[in-house]
Amino acid sequence: FLNQYIEPEINFEYKEIIHQGNRLAYFRLFTNNKRPYLFKKEYKDT
């Protein structure tokens, strides 16, 4: 979904983590040195 609308490609990972018995998740964005990251096509919610 991200690659469909934004360029260049954004480096990230999405993983789960268990904390105090709760299933959480996190996005980690790393090594994004090709700024600026911009919309390459128009996006509009339905």
ModelCIF file with pLDDT and N, C-alpha, C, O atoms, coordinates in Angstrom:
data_MODEL
#
_entry.id   MODEL 
#
_entity.id                         1 
_entity.type                       polymer 
_entity.pdbx_number_of_molecules   1 
#
_entity_poly.entity_id                      1 
_entity_poly.type                           'polypeptide(L)' 
_entity_poly.nstd_linkage                   no 
_entity_poly.nstd_monomer                   no 
_entity_poly.pdbx_seq_one_letter_code       FLNQYIEPEINFEYKEIIHQGNRLAYFRLFTNNKRPYLFKKEYKDT 
_entity_poly.pdbx_seq_one_letter_code_can   FLNQYIEPEINFEYKEIIHQGNRLAYFRLFTNNKRPYLFKKEYKDT 
_entity_poly.pdbx_strand_id                 A 
#
loop_
_entity_poly_seq.entity_id 
_entity_poly_seq.num 
_entity_poly_seq.mon_id 
_entity_poly_seq.hetero 
1 1  PHE n 
1 2  LEU n 
1 3  ASN n 
1 4  GLN n 
1 5  TYR n 
1 6  ILE n 
1 7  GLU n 
1 8  PRO n 
1 9  GLU n 
1 10 ILE n 
1 11 ASN n 
1 12 PHE n 
1 13 GLU n 
1 14 TYR n 
1 15 LYS n 
1 16 GLU n 
1 17 ILE n 
1 18 ILE n 
1 19 HIS n 
1 20 GLN n 
1 21 GLY n 
1 22 ASN n 
1 23 ARG n 
1 24 LEU n 
1 25 ALA n 
1 26 TYR n 
1 27 PHE n 
1 28 ARG n 
1 29 LEU n 
1 30 PHE n 
1 31 THR n 
1 32 ASN n 
1 33 ASN n 
1 34 LYS n 
1 35 ARG n 
1 36 PRO n 
1 37 TYR n 
1 38 LEU n 
1 39 PHE n 
1 40 LYS n 
1 41 LYS n 
1 42 GLU n 
1 43 TYR n 
1 44 LYS n 
1 45 ASP n 
1 46 THR n 
#
_struct_asym.id          A 
_struct_asym.entity_id   1 
#
loop_
_ma_qa_metric.id 
_ma_qa_metric.mode 
_ma_qa_metric.name 
_ma_qa_metric.software_group_id 
_ma_qa_metric.type 
1 global pLDDT . pLDDT 
2 local  pLDDT . pLDDT 
#
_ma_qa_metric_global.metric_id      1 
_ma_qa_metric_global.metric_value   92.33 
_ma_qa_metric_global.model_id       1 
_ma_qa_metric_global.ordinal_id     1 
#
loop_
_ma_qa_metric_local.label_asym_id 
_ma_qa_metric_local.label_comp_id 
_ma_qa_metric_local.label_seq_id 
_ma_qa_metric_local.metric_id 
_ma_qa_metric_local.metric_value 
_ma_qa_metric_local.model_id 
_ma_qa_metric_local.ordinal_id 
A PHE 1  2 93.00 1 1  
A LEU 2  2 94.00 1 2  
A ASN 3  2 94.00 1 3  
A GLN 4  2 94.00 1 4  
A TYR 5  2 95.00 1 5  
A ILE 6  2 96.00 1 6  
A GLU 7  2 94.00 1 7  
A PRO 8  2 94.00 1 8  
A GLU 9  2 93.00 1 9  
A ILE 10 2 94.00 1 10 
A ASN 11 2 92.00 1 11 
A PHE 12 2 94.00 1 12 
A GLU 13 2 93.00 1 13 
A TYR 14 2 95.00 1 14 
A LYS 15 2 93.00 1 15 
A GLU 16 2 94.00 1 16 
A ILE 17 2 93.00 1 17 
A ILE 18 2 93.00 1 18 
A HIS 19 2 93.00 1 19 
A GLN 20 2 91.00 1 20 
A GLY 21 2 92.00 1 21 
A ASN 22 2 94.00 1 22 
A ARG 23 2 94.00 1 23 
A LEU 24 2 96.00 1 24 
A ALA 25 2 95.00 1 25 
A TYR 26 2 96.00 1 26 
A PHE 27 2 95.00 1 27 
A ARG 28 2 95.00 1 28 
A LEU 29 2 94.00 1 29 
A PHE 30 2 91.00 1 30 
A THR 31 2 85.00 1 31 
A ASN 32 2 89.00 1 32 
A ASN 33 2 84.00 1 33 
A LYS 34 2 87.00 1 34 
A ARG 35 2 91.00 1 35 
A PRO 36 2 95.00 1 36 
A TYR 37 2 96.00 1 37 
A LEU 38 2 96.00 1 38 
A PHE 39 2 96.00 1 39 
A LYS 40 2 96.00 1 40 
A LYS 41 2 93.00 1 41 
A GLU 42 2 93.00 1 42 
A TYR 43 2 91.00 1 43 
A LYS 44 2 87.00 1 44 
A ASP 45 2 80.00 1 45 
A THR 46 2 74.00 1 46 
#
loop_
_atom_site.group_PDB 
_atom_site.id 
_atom_site.type_symbol 
_atom_site.label_atom_id 
_atom_site.label_alt_id 
_atom_site.label_comp_id 
_atom_site.label_asym_id 
_atom_site.label_entity_id 
_atom_site.label_seq_id 
_atom_site.pdbx_PDB_ins_code 
_atom_site.Cartn_x 
_atom_site.Cartn_y 
_atom_site.Cartn_z 
_atom_site.occupancy 
_atom_site.B_iso_or_equiv 
_atom_site.pdbx_formal_charge 
_atom_site.auth_seq_id 
_atom_site.auth_comp_id 
_atom_site.auth_asym_id 
_atom_site.auth_atom_id 
_atom_site.pdbx_PDB_model_num 
ATOM 1   N N  . PHE A 1 1  ? 0.836   -1.203  0.000  1.00 93.00 ? 1  PHE A N  1 
ATOM 2   C CA . PHE A 1 1  ? 0.000   0.000   0.000  1.00 93.00 ? 1  PHE A CA 1 
ATOM 3   C C  . PHE A 1 1  ? 0.873   1.255   0.000  1.00 93.00 ? 1  PHE A C  1 
ATOM 4   O O  . PHE A 1 1  ? 0.582   2.220   -0.707 1.00 93.00 ? 1  PHE A O  1 
ATOM 5   N N  . LEU A 1 2  ? 1.937   1.236   0.792  1.00 94.00 ? 2  LEU A N  1 
ATOM 6   C CA . LEU A 1 2  ? 2.830   2.378   0.880  1.00 94.00 ? 2  LEU A CA 1 
ATOM 7   C C  . LEU A 1 2  ? 3.535   2.628   -0.456 1.00 94.00 ? 2  LEU A C  1 
ATOM 8   O O  . LEU A 1 2  ? 3.636   3.769   -0.908 1.00 94.00 ? 2  LEU A O  1 
ATOM 9   N N  . ASN A 1 3  ? 4.019   1.560   -1.077 1.00 94.00 ? 3  ASN A N  1 
ATOM 10  C CA . ASN A 1 3  ? 4.719   1.693   -2.359 1.00 94.00 ? 3  ASN A CA 1 
ATOM 11  C C  . ASN A 1 3  ? 3.805   2.168   -3.476 1.00 94.00 ? 3  ASN A C  1 
ATOM 12  O O  . ASN A 1 3  ? 4.262   2.747   -4.462 1.00 94.00 ? 3  ASN A O  1 
ATOM 13  N N  . GLN A 1 4  ? 2.519   1.922   -3.316 1.00 94.00 ? 4  GLN A N  1 
ATOM 14  C CA . GLN A 1 4  ? 1.560   2.319   -4.337 1.00 94.00 ? 4  GLN A CA 1 
ATOM 15  C C  . GLN A 1 4  ? 1.420   3.841   -4.419 1.00 94.00 ? 4  GLN A C  1 
ATOM 16  O O  . GLN A 1 4  ? 1.118   4.394   -5.477 1.00 94.00 ? 4  GLN A O  1 
ATOM 17  N N  . TYR A 1 5  ? 1.647   4.509   -3.279 1.00 95.00 ? 5  TYR A N  1 
ATOM 18  C CA . TYR A 1 5  ? 1.379   5.953   -3.243 1.00 95.00 ? 5  TYR A CA 1 
ATOM 19  C C  . TYR A 1 5  ? 2.602   6.826   -2.963 1.00 95.00 ? 5  TYR A C  1 
ATOM 20  O O  . TYR A 1 5  ? 2.607   8.001   -3.328 1.00 95.00 ? 5  TYR A O  1 
ATOM 21  N N  . ILE A 1 6  ? 3.622   6.285   -2.333 1.00 96.00 ? 6  ILE A N  1 
ATOM 22  C CA . ILE A 1 6  ? 4.754   7.119   -1.910 1.00 96.00 ? 6  ILE A CA 1 
ATOM 23  C C  . ILE A 1 6  ? 6.046   6.606   -2.519 1.00 96.00 ? 6  ILE A C  1 
ATOM 24  O O  . ILE A 1 6  ? 6.270   5.399   -2.609 1.00 96.00 ? 6  ILE A O  1 
ATOM 25  N N  . GLU A 1 7  ? 6.892   7.534   -2.936 1.00 94.00 ? 7  GLU A N  1 
ATOM 26  C CA . GLU A 1 7  ? 8.217   7.184   -3.431 1.00 94.00 ? 7  GLU A CA 1 
ATOM 27  C C  . GLU A 1 7  ? 9.246   8.163   -2.865 1.00 94.00 ? 7  GLU A C  1 
ATOM 28  O O  . GLU A 1 7  ? 8.900   9.294   -2.525 1.00 94.00 ? 7  GLU A O  1 
ATOM 29  N N  . PRO A 1 8  ? 10.519  7.732   -2.760 1.00 94.00 ? 8  PRO A N  1 
ATOM 30  C CA . PRO A 1 8  ? 11.017  6.355   -2.971 1.00 94.00 ? 8  PRO A CA 1 
ATOM 31  C C  . PRO A 1 8  ? 10.509  5.419   -1.881 1.00 94.00 ? 8  PRO A C  1 
ATOM 32  O O  . PRO A 1 8  ? 9.780   5.838   -0.983 1.00 94.00 ? 8  PRO A O  1 
ATOM 33  N N  . GLU A 1 9  ? 10.897  4.155   -1.964 1.00 93.00 ? 9  GLU A N  1 
ATOM 34  C CA . GLU A 1 9  ? 10.403  3.157   -1.016 1.00 93.00 ? 9  GLU A CA 1 
ATOM 35  C C  . GLU A 1 9  ? 10.907  3.446   0.396  1.00 93.00 ? 9  GLU A C  1 
ATOM 36  O O  . GLU A 1 9  ? 12.083  3.748   0.596  1.00 93.00 ? 9  GLU A O  1 
ATOM 37  N N  . ILE A 1 10 ? 10.003  3.350   1.370  1.00 94.00 ? 10 ILE A N  1 
ATOM 38  C CA . ILE A 1 10 ? 10.333  3.590   2.775  1.00 94.00 ? 10 ILE A CA 1 
ATOM 39  C C  . ILE A 1 10 ? 10.740  2.275   3.435  1.00 94.00 ? 10 ILE A C  1 
ATOM 40  O O  . ILE A 1 10 ? 10.024  1.277   3.345  1.00 94.00 ? 10 ILE A O  1 
ATOM 41  N N  . ASN A 1 11 ? 11.891  2.283   4.096  1.00 92.00 ? 11 ASN A N  1 
ATOM 42  C CA . ASN A 1 11 ? 12.361  1.096   4.813  1.00 92.00 ? 11 ASN A CA 1 
ATOM 43  C C  . ASN A 1 11 ? 11.711  1.025   6.193  1.00 92.00 ? 11 ASN A C  1 
ATOM 44  O O  . ASN A 1 11 ? 11.805  1.970   6.977  1.00 92.00 ? 11 ASN A O  1 
ATOM 45  N N  . PHE A 1 12 ? 11.057  -0.088  6.485  1.00 94.00 ? 12 PHE A N  1 
ATOM 46  C CA . PHE A 1 12 ? 10.462  -0.269  7.808  1.00 94.00 ? 12 PHE A CA 1 
ATOM 47  C C  . PHE A 1 12 ? 10.253  -1.751  8.070  1.00 94.00 ? 12 PHE A C  1 
ATOM 48  O O  . PHE A 1 12 ? 10.302  -2.575  7.157  1.00 94.00 ? 12 PHE A O  1 
ATOM 49  N N  . GLU A 1 13 ? 10.021  -2.069  9.326  1.00 93.00 ? 13 GLU A N  1 
ATOM 50  C CA . GLU A 1 13 ? 9.605   -3.408  9.704  1.00 93.00 ? 13 GLU A CA 1 
ATOM 51  C C  . GLU A 1 13 ? 8.406   -3.292  10.634 1.00 93.00 ? 13 GLU A C  1 
ATOM 52  O O  . GLU A 1 13 ? 8.266   -2.323  11.380 1.00 93.00 ? 13 GLU A O  1 
ATOM 53  N N  . TYR A 1 14 ? 7.548   -4.301  10.573 1.00 95.00 ? 14 TYR A N  1 
ATOM 54  C CA . TYR A 1 14 ? 6.354   -4.334  11.434 1.00 95.00 ? 14 TYR A CA 1 
ATOM 55  C C  . TYR A 1 14 ? 6.331   -5.673  12.139 1.00 95.00 ? 14 TYR A C  1 
ATOM 56  O O  . TYR A 1 14 ? 6.172   -6.715  11.503 1.00 95.00 ? 14 TYR A O  1 
ATOM 57  N N  . LYS A 1 15 ? 6.491   -5.649  13.457 1.00 93.00 ? 15 LYS A N  1 
ATOM 58  C CA . LYS A 1 15 ? 6.585   -6.892  14.220 1.00 93.00 ? 15 LYS A CA 1 
ATOM 59  C C  . LYS A 1 15 ? 5.758   -6.806  15.494 1.00 93.00 ? 15 LYS A C  1 
ATOM 60  O O  . LYS A 1 15 ? 5.417   -5.723  15.970 1.00 93.00 ? 15 LYS A O  1 
ATOM 61  N N  . GLU A 1 16 ? 5.450   -7.969  16.024 1.00 94.00 ? 16 GLU A N  1 
ATOM 62  C CA . GLU A 1 16 ? 4.709   -8.020  17.290 1.00 94.00 ? 16 GLU A CA 1 
ATOM 63  C C  . GLU A 1 16 ? 5.678   -8.125  18.457 1.00 94.00 ? 16 GLU A C  1 
ATOM 64  O O  . GLU A 1 16 ? 6.834   -8.518  18.295 1.00 94.00 ? 16 GLU A O  1 
ATOM 65  N N  . ILE A 1 17 ? 5.183   -7.767  19.637 1.00 93.00 ? 17 ILE A N  1 
ATOM 66  C CA . ILE A 1 17 ? 5.949   -7.894  20.869 1.00 93.00 ? 17 ILE A CA 1 
ATOM 67  C C  . ILE A 1 17 ? 4.961   -8.175  21.998 1.00 93.00 ? 17 ILE A C  1 
ATOM 68  O O  . ILE A 1 17 ? 3.881   -7.585  22.044 1.00 93.00 ? 17 ILE A O  1 
ATOM 69  N N  . ILE A 1 18 ? 5.324   -9.062  22.893 1.00 93.00 ? 18 ILE A N  1 
ATOM 70  C CA . ILE A 1 18 ? 4.495   -9.364  24.056 1.00 93.00 ? 18 ILE A CA 1 
ATOM 71  C C  . ILE A 1 18 ? 5.059   -8.616  25.245 1.00 93.00 ? 18 ILE A C  1 
ATOM 72  O O  . ILE A 1 18 ? 6.218   -8.799  25.616 1.00 93.00 ? 18 ILE A O  1 
ATOM 73  N N  . HIS A 1 19 ? 4.223   -7.763  25.849 1.00 93.00 ? 19 HIS A N  1 
ATOM 74  C CA . HIS A 1 19 ? 4.662   -6.971  27.004 1.00 93.00 ? 19 HIS A CA 1 
ATOM 75  C C  . HIS A 1 19 ? 3.595   -7.033  28.083 1.00 93.00 ? 19 HIS A C  1 
ATOM 76  O O  . HIS A 1 19 ? 2.444   -6.657  27.863 1.00 93.00 ? 19 HIS A O  1 
ATOM 77  N N  . GLN A 1 20 ? 3.998   -7.517  29.255 1.00 91.00 ? 20 GLN A N  1 
ATOM 78  C CA . GLN A 1 20 ? 3.081   -7.669  30.389 1.00 91.00 ? 20 GLN A CA 1 
ATOM 79  C C  . GLN A 1 20 ? 1.837   -8.467  29.994 1.00 91.00 ? 20 GLN A C  1 
ATOM 80  O O  . GLN A 1 20 ? 0.722   -8.176  30.427 1.00 91.00 ? 20 GLN A O  1 
ATOM 81  N N  . GLY A 1 21 ? 2.067   -9.482  29.160 1.00 92.00 ? 21 GLY A N  1 
ATOM 82  C CA . GLY A 1 21 ? 0.974   -10.343 28.729 1.00 92.00 ? 21 GLY A CA 1 
ATOM 83  C C  . GLY A 1 21 ? 0.114   -9.762  27.633 1.00 92.00 ? 21 GLY A C  1 
ATOM 84  O O  . GLY A 1 21 ? -0.885  -10.372 27.251 1.00 92.00 ? 21 GLY A O  1 
ATOM 85  N N  . ASN A 1 22 ? 0.471   -8.595  27.114 1.00 94.00 ? 22 ASN A N  1 
ATOM 86  C CA . ASN A 1 22 ? -0.301  -7.935  26.065 1.00 94.00 ? 22 ASN A CA 1 
ATOM 87  C C  . ASN A 1 22 ? 0.408   -8.074  24.726 1.00 94.00 ? 22 ASN A C  1 
ATOM 88  O O  . ASN A 1 22 ? 1.618   -7.872  24.618 1.00 94.00 ? 22 ASN A O  1 
ATOM 89  N N  . ARG A 1 23 ? -0.376  -8.423  23.705 1.00 94.00 ? 23 ARG A N  1 
ATOM 90  C CA . ARG A 1 23 ? 0.177   -8.524  22.359 1.00 94.00 ? 23 ARG A CA 1 
ATOM 91  C C  . ARG A 1 23 ? 0.126   -7.159  21.707 1.00 94.00 ? 23 ARG A C  1 
ATOM 92  O O  . ARG A 1 23 ? -0.947  -6.658  21.371 1.00 94.00 ? 23 ARG A O  1 
ATOM 93  N N  . LEU A 1 24 ? 1.305   -6.555  21.530 1.00 96.00 ? 24 LEU A N  1 
ATOM 94  C CA . LEU A 1 24 ? 1.433   -5.242  20.904 1.00 96.00 ? 24 LEU A CA 1 
ATOM 95  C C  . LEU A 1 24 ? 2.182   -5.395  19.584 1.00 96.00 ? 24 LEU A C  1 
ATOM 96  O O  . LEU A 1 24 ? 2.547   -6.507  19.203 1.00 96.00 ? 24 LEU A O  1 
ATOM 97  N N  . ALA A 1 25 ? 2.409   -4.300  18.896 1.00 95.00 ? 25 ALA A N  1 
ATOM 98  C CA . ALA A 1 25 ? 3.175   -4.329  17.651 1.00 95.00 ? 25 ALA A CA 1 
ATOM 99  C C  . ALA A 1 25 ? 3.893   -2.998  17.497 1.00 95.00 ? 25 ALA A C  1 
ATOM 100 O O  . ALA A 1 25 ? 3.563   -2.014  18.160 1.00 95.00 ? 25 ALA A O  1 
ATOM 101 N N  . TYR A 1 26 ? 4.883   -2.986  16.607 1.00 96.00 ? 26 TYR A N  1 
ATOM 102 C CA . TYR A 1 26 ? 5.601   -1.742  16.388 1.00 96.00 ? 26 TYR A CA 1 
ATOM 103 C C  . TYR A 1 26 ? 6.077   -1.634  14.943 1.00 96.00 ? 26 TYR A C  1 
ATOM 104 O O  . TYR A 1 26 ? 6.446   -2.622  14.308 1.00 96.00 ? 26 TYR A O  1 
ATOM 105 N N  . PHE A 1 27 ? 6.054   -0.411  14.452 1.00 95.00 ? 27 PHE A N  1 
ATOM 106 C CA . PHE A 1 27 ? 6.730   -0.056  13.202 1.00 95.00 ? 27 PHE A CA 1 
ATOM 107 C C  . PHE A 1 27 ? 8.083   0.533   13.581 1.00 95.00 ? 27 PHE A C  1 
ATOM 108 O O  . PHE A 1 27 ? 8.165   1.427   14.425 1.00 95.00 ? 27 PHE A O  1 
ATOM 109 N N  . ARG A 1 28 ? 9.132   0.034   12.960 1.00 95.00 ? 28 ARG A N  1 
ATOM 110 C CA . ARG A 1 28 ? 10.465  0.636   13.106 1.00 95.00 ? 28 ARG A CA 1 
ATOM 111 C C  . ARG A 1 28 ? 10.897  1.132   11.737 1.00 95.00 ? 28 ARG A C  1 
ATOM 112 O O  . ARG A 1 28 ? 11.072  0.336   10.815 1.00 95.00 ? 28 ARG A O  1 
ATOM 113 N N  . LEU A 1 29 ? 11.070  2.438   11.597 1.00 94.00 ? 29 LEU A N  1 
ATOM 114 C CA . LEU A 1 29 ? 11.541  3.029   10.353 1.00 94.00 ? 29 LEU A CA 1 
ATOM 115 C C  . LEU A 1 29 ? 13.038  3.257   10.480 1.00 94.00 ? 29 LEU A C  1 
ATOM 116 O O  . LEU A 1 29 ? 13.491  3.855   11.456 1.00 94.00 ? 29 LEU A O  1 
ATOM 117 N N  . PHE A 1 30 ? 13.809  2.791   9.511  1.00 91.00 ? 30 PHE A N  1 
ATOM 118 C CA . PHE A 1 30 ? 15.261  2.847   9.628  1.00 91.00 ? 30 PHE A CA 1 
ATOM 119 C C  . PHE A 1 30 ? 15.894  3.116   8.256  1.00 91.00 ? 30 PHE A C  1 
ATOM 120 O O  . PHE A 1 30 ? 15.329  2.771   7.219  1.00 91.00 ? 30 PHE A O  1 
ATOM 121 N N  . THR A 1 31 ? 17.059  3.730   8.274  1.00 85.00 ? 31 THR A N  1 
ATOM 122 C CA . THR A 1 31 ? 17.898  3.946   7.093  1.00 85.00 ? 31 THR A CA 1 
ATOM 123 C C  . THR A 1 31 ? 17.108  4.541   5.927  1.00 85.00 ? 31 THR A C  1 
ATOM 124 O O  . THR A 1 31 ? 17.236  4.097   4.787  1.00 85.00 ? 31 THR A O  1 
ATOM 125 N N  . ASN A 1 32 ? 16.295  5.545   6.226  1.00 89.00 ? 32 ASN A N  1 
ATOM 126 C CA . ASN A 1 32 ? 15.559  6.227   5.158  1.00 89.00 ? 32 ASN A CA 1 
ATOM 127 C C  . ASN A 1 32 ? 16.309  7.509   4.786  1.00 89.00 ? 32 ASN A C  1 
ATOM 128 O O  . ASN A 1 32 ? 16.005  8.597   5.277  1.00 89.00 ? 32 ASN A O  1 
ATOM 129 N N  . ASN A 1 33 ? 17.304  7.343   3.897  1.00 84.00 ? 33 ASN A N  1 
ATOM 130 C CA . ASN A 1 33 ? 18.196  8.441   3.550  1.00 84.00 ? 33 ASN A CA 1 
ATOM 131 C C  . ASN A 1 33 ? 17.948  9.014   2.158  1.00 84.00 ? 33 ASN A C  1 
ATOM 132 O O  . ASN A 1 33 ? 18.764  9.772   1.633  1.00 84.00 ? 33 ASN A O  1 
ATOM 133 N N  . LYS A 1 34 ? 16.802  8.640   1.560  1.00 87.00 ? 34 LYS A N  1 
ATOM 134 C CA . LYS A 1 34 ? 16.527  9.118   0.205  1.00 87.00 ? 34 LYS A CA 1 
ATOM 135 C C  . LYS A 1 34 ? 15.433  10.192  0.207  1.00 87.00 ? 34 LYS A C  1 
ATOM 136 O O  . LYS A 1 34 ? 14.624  10.264  -0.718 1.00 87.00 ? 34 LYS A O  1 
ATOM 137 N N  . ARG A 1 35 ? 15.417  11.009  1.235  1.00 91.00 ? 35 ARG A N  1 
ATOM 138 C CA . ARG A 1 35 ? 14.426  12.075  1.328  1.00 91.00 ? 35 ARG A CA 1 
ATOM 139 C C  . ARG A 1 35 ? 14.585  13.058  0.159  1.00 91.00 ? 35 ARG A C  1 
ATOM 140 O O  . ARG A 1 35 ? 15.687  13.209  -0.369 1.00 91.00 ? 35 ARG A O  1 
ATOM 141 N N  . PRO A 1 36 ? 13.502  13.724  -0.249 1.00 95.00 ? 36 PRO A N  1 
ATOM 142 C CA . PRO A 1 36 ? 12.169  13.711  0.358  1.00 95.00 ? 36 PRO A CA 1 
ATOM 143 C C  . PRO A 1 36 ? 11.312  12.534  -0.110 1.00 95.00 ? 36 PRO A C  1 
ATOM 144 O O  . PRO A 1 36 ? 11.430  12.076  -1.246 1.00 95.00 ? 36 PRO A O  1 
ATOM 145 N N  . TYR A 1 37 ? 10.450  12.057  0.785  1.00 96.00 ? 37 TYR A N  1 
ATOM 146 C CA . TYR A 1 37 ? 9.469   11.020  0.458  1.00 96.00 ? 37 TYR A CA 1 
ATOM 147 C C  . TYR A 1 37 ? 8.150   11.731  0.173  1.00 96.00 ? 37 TYR A C  1 
ATOM 148 O O  . TYR A 1 37 ? 7.624   12.451  1.022  1.00 96.00 ? 37 TYR A O  1 
ATOM 149 N N  . LEU A 1 38 ? 7.617   11.518  -1.044 1.00 96.00 ? 38 LEU A N  1 
ATOM 150 C CA . LEU A 1 38 ? 6.466   12.284  -1.517 1.00 96.00 ? 38 LEU A CA 1 
ATOM 151 C C  . LEU A 1 38 ? 5.413   11.368  -2.135 1.00 96.00 ? 38 LEU A C  1 
ATOM 152 O O  . LEU A 1 38 ? 5.703   10.240  -2.534 1.00 96.00 ? 38 LEU A O  1 
ATOM 153 N N  . PHE A 1 39 ? 4.196   11.876  -2.205 1.00 96.00 ? 39 PHE A N  1 
ATOM 154 C CA . PHE A 1 39 ? 3.114   11.136  -2.866 1.00 96.00 ? 39 PHE A CA 1 
ATOM 155 C C  . PHE A 1 39 ? 3.353   11.160  -4.381 1.00 96.00 ? 39 PHE A C  1 
ATOM 156 O O  . PHE A 1 39 ? 3.496   12.230  -4.974 1.00 96.00 ? 39 PHE A O  1 
ATOM 157 N N  . LYS A 1 40 ? 3.397   9.987   -4.997 1.00 96.00 ? 40 LYS A N  1 
ATOM 158 C CA . LYS A 1 40 ? 3.619   9.907   -6.439 1.00 96.00 ? 40 LYS A CA 1 
ATOM 159 C C  . LYS A 1 40 ? 2.307   9.827   -7.217 1.00 96.00 ? 40 LYS A C  1 
ATOM 160 O O  . LYS A 1 40 ? 2.291   9.935   -8.443 1.00 96.00 ? 40 LYS A O  1 
ATOM 161 N N  . LYS A 1 41 ? 1.208   9.637   -6.484 1.00 93.00 ? 41 LYS A N  1 
ATOM 162 C CA . LYS A 1 41 ? -0.116  9.662   -7.106 1.00 93.00 ? 41 LYS A CA 1 
ATOM 163 C C  . LYS A 1 41 ? -1.110  10.192  -6.085 1.00 93.00 ? 41 LYS A C  1 
ATOM 164 O O  . LYS A 1 41 ? -0.881  10.124  -4.878 1.00 93.00 ? 41 LYS A O  1 
ATOM 165 N N  . GLU A 1 42 ? -2.196  10.711  -6.580 1.00 93.00 ? 42 GLU A N  1 
ATOM 166 C CA . GLU A 1 42 ? -3.196  11.300  -5.689 1.00 93.00 ? 42 GLU A CA 1 
ATOM 167 C C  . GLU A 1 42 ? -3.878  10.208  -4.863 1.00 93.00 ? 42 GLU A C  1 
ATOM 168 O O  . GLU A 1 42 ? -4.183  9.123   -5.358 1.00 93.00 ? 42 GLU A O  1 
ATOM 169 N N  . TYR A 1 43 ? -4.107  10.533  -3.588 1.00 91.00 ? 43 TYR A N  1 
ATOM 170 C CA . TYR A 1 43 ? -4.849  9.624   -2.711 1.00 91.00 ? 43 TYR A CA 1 
ATOM 171 C C  . TYR A 1 43 ? -6.097  10.350  -2.205 1.00 91.00 ? 43 TYR A C  1 
ATOM 172 O O  . TYR A 1 43 ? -6.032  11.513  -1.805 1.00 91.00 ? 43 TYR A O  1 
ATOM 173 N N  . LYS A 1 44 ? -7.224  9.653   -2.228 1.00 87.00 ? 44 LYS A N  1 
ATOM 174 C CA . LYS A 1 44 ? -8.469  10.211  -1.717 1.00 87.00 ? 44 LYS A CA 1 
ATOM 175 C C  . LYS A 1 44 ? -9.286  9.097   -1.095 1.00 87.00 ? 44 LYS A C  1 
ATOM 176 O O  . LYS A 1 44 ? -9.533  8.070   -1.727 1.00 87.00 ? 44 LYS A O  1 
ATOM 177 N N  . ASP A 1 45 ? -9.711  9.302   0.160  1.00 80.00 ? 45 ASP A N  1 
ATOM 178 C CA . ASP A 1 45 ? -10.563 8.315   0.822  1.00 80.00 ? 45 ASP A CA 1 
ATOM 179 C C  . ASP A 1 45 ? -11.934 8.262   0.156  1.00 80.00 ? 45 ASP A C  1 
ATOM 180 O O  . ASP A 1 45 ? -12.431 9.258   -0.369 1.00 80.00 ? 45 ASP A O  1 
ATOM 181 N N  . THR A 1 46 ? -12.516 7.098   0.193  1.00 74.00 ? 46 THR A N  1 
ATOM 182 C CA . THR A 1 46 ? -13.837 6.925   -0.401 1.00 74.00 ? 46 THR A CA 1 
ATOM 183 C C  . THR A 1 46 ? -14.933 7.481   0.490  1.00 74.00 ? 46 THR A C  1 
ATOM 184 O O  . THR A 1 46 ? -16.110 7.415   0.135  1.00 74.00 ? 46 THR A O  1 
#
